[in-house]
Protein backbone atom coordinates (compact mmCIF):
# COMPACT_ATOMS: atom_id res chain seq x y z
CA GLU A 1 2.68 19.59 -111.84
CA ASP A 2 1.97 21.89 -108.87
CA GLY A 3 5.63 22.82 -107.96
CA ILE A 4 5.91 22.36 -104.63
CA ARG A 5 5.21 19.01 -104.01
CA ASP A 6 7.50 18.40 -107.07
CA SER A 7 10.47 20.00 -105.46
CA VAL A 8 9.61 18.53 -102.42
CA ALA A 9 9.26 15.11 -102.73
CA SER A 10 12.60 15.16 -104.90
CA ARG A 11 14.42 16.23 -101.89
CA GLY A 12 13.92 12.51 -100.52
CA LEU A 13 10.47 10.50 -98.39
CA GLY A 14 11.51 11.04 -95.06
CA ASP A 15 12.31 14.91 -95.15
CA VAL A 16 11.61 17.23 -91.65
CA TYR A 17 12.35 20.75 -92.09
CA LYS A 18 12.96 22.44 -89.14
CA ARG A 19 11.23 26.22 -88.99
CA GLN A 20 13.01 28.38 -86.11
CA LEU A 21 11.84 31.95 -85.23
CA GLN A 22 13.69 34.54 -82.79
CA THR A 23 14.52 37.88 -82.27
CA HIS A 24 18.42 38.33 -81.14
CA GLU A 25 19.24 39.92 -77.74
CA ASP A 26 23.01 39.59 -77.65
CA PRO A 27 24.77 39.17 -81.20
CA SER A 28 28.19 38.50 -80.09
CA ALA A 29 26.75 35.45 -78.04
CA TYR A 30 24.54 34.37 -80.78
CA ARG A 31 27.85 34.85 -82.82
CA GLU A 32 29.28 32.01 -81.16
CA TYR A 33 26.80 29.67 -81.45
CA GLU A 34 26.31 30.51 -85.34
CA LYS A 35 30.58 29.39 -85.43
CA GLY A 36 29.56 26.18 -84.34
CA PHE A 37 26.30 25.22 -85.23
CA PHE A 38 27.25 23.77 -88.99
CA PRO A 39 28.97 21.30 -88.32
CA ILE A 40 27.08 19.73 -85.59
CA LEU A 41 24.28 20.20 -88.60
CA LYS A 42 26.34 18.37 -90.79
CA LYS A 43 27.15 15.81 -89.01
CA HIS A 44 23.27 14.89 -88.30
CA GLY A 45 22.50 15.02 -91.84
CA GLY A 46 20.88 18.59 -92.16
CA SER A 47 21.53 21.23 -94.54
CA PHE A 48 21.03 24.86 -93.92
CA ILE A 49 17.53 26.45 -96.19
CA THR A 50 18.01 30.27 -95.68
CA PHE A 51 17.10 32.91 -92.93
CA ASP A 52 15.09 35.85 -93.05
CA ASP A 53 15.53 39.24 -90.76
CA ASN A 54 12.34 40.43 -91.90
CA PRO A 55 9.80 37.53 -92.86
CA LYS A 56 6.82 38.90 -94.54
CA HIS A 57 3.22 38.49 -92.73
CA LEU A 58 0.56 37.59 -95.36
CA GLU A 59 -2.34 36.73 -92.89
CA GLY A 60 -3.00 35.69 -89.67
CA SER A 61 -4.17 36.96 -86.09
CA GLU A 62 -0.22 36.05 -84.77
CA PRO A 63 2.17 37.77 -87.13
CA ARG A 64 5.81 37.36 -86.64
CA SER A 65 8.63 39.40 -86.42
CA GLY A 66 12.39 37.92 -86.15
CA ARG A 67 14.86 35.96 -87.55
CA MET A 68 13.16 32.92 -89.42
CA ILE A 69 15.74 30.22 -89.81
CA ILE A 70 14.91 26.67 -91.92
CA PHE A 71 16.80 23.84 -92.23
CA GLN A 72 16.65 20.42 -93.11
CA PHE A 73 16.84 16.96 -91.97
CA PRO A 74 16.67 13.59 -93.85
CA SER A 75 14.50 12.14 -91.79
CA GLU A 76 12.74 13.04 -88.23
CA ALA A 77 15.36 10.59 -86.46
CA ALA A 78 18.19 12.54 -88.07
CA ALA A 79 16.15 15.93 -86.71
CA ASP A 80 15.46 14.53 -83.18
CA ALA A 81 19.68 13.27 -83.16
CA TRP A 82 21.00 17.03 -83.79
CA PHE A 83 18.70 18.58 -81.30
CA ASN A 84 18.80 15.95 -78.64
CA ASP A 85 22.91 16.02 -79.18
CA PRO A 86 24.91 16.66 -76.15
CA GLU A 87 27.55 18.56 -78.30
CA TYR A 88 24.20 20.86 -79.62
CA GLN A 89 22.61 21.37 -76.73
CA ALA A 90 25.35 22.72 -75.44
CA LEU A 91 26.14 25.00 -77.93
CA SER A 92 22.22 26.22 -77.96
CA GLU A 93 23.13 27.59 -74.51
CA HIS A 94 24.43 30.54 -76.86
CA ARG A 95 21.66 30.82 -78.70
CA ARG A 96 19.43 30.89 -75.71
CA ALA A 97 22.08 33.80 -73.80
CA GLY A 98 22.13 35.49 -77.41
CA ALA A 99 18.27 34.93 -79.06
CA ASP A 100 15.00 35.20 -77.14
CA THR A 101 13.59 31.93 -79.45
CA LYS A 102 10.20 32.08 -79.75
CA SER A 103 9.68 28.67 -81.71
CA ILE A 104 11.44 25.24 -82.92
CA THR A 105 9.02 23.83 -85.18
CA MET A 106 9.48 20.44 -87.02
CA VAL A 107 8.19 20.35 -90.91
CA HIS A 108 7.48 16.97 -91.85
CA ALA A 109 7.86 16.96 -96.32
CA LEU A 110 4.98 15.50 -98.62
CA PRO A 111 5.04 12.42 -100.05
CA PRO A 112 5.51 12.19 -103.38
CA ARG A 113 2.53 11.93 -105.61
CA LYS A 114 1.47 8.10 -106.93
């Protein structure tokens, strides 16, 4: 009906999305992070949605700049398991060395309409 809920509902009941905002400081360190990222994401049932190096600010008093990354997990538990995975935490040291991460935020999907 409104398109947004219908498309989100079709992805499952417990979906959560991670929104990450960062600016890159050391591209070679960040590339090391990128090389190991996808296998760990898939290990926890996650999927990559998109990224944008130039998100367009439309409204509000705190415009954000830098790379916006969005990925999805089948549940909050899966997202937490990914973030807390020792393998991911070790890999994320490359992200921390190569990028200034402004935020990583979990967003819950809308439940399906009844």
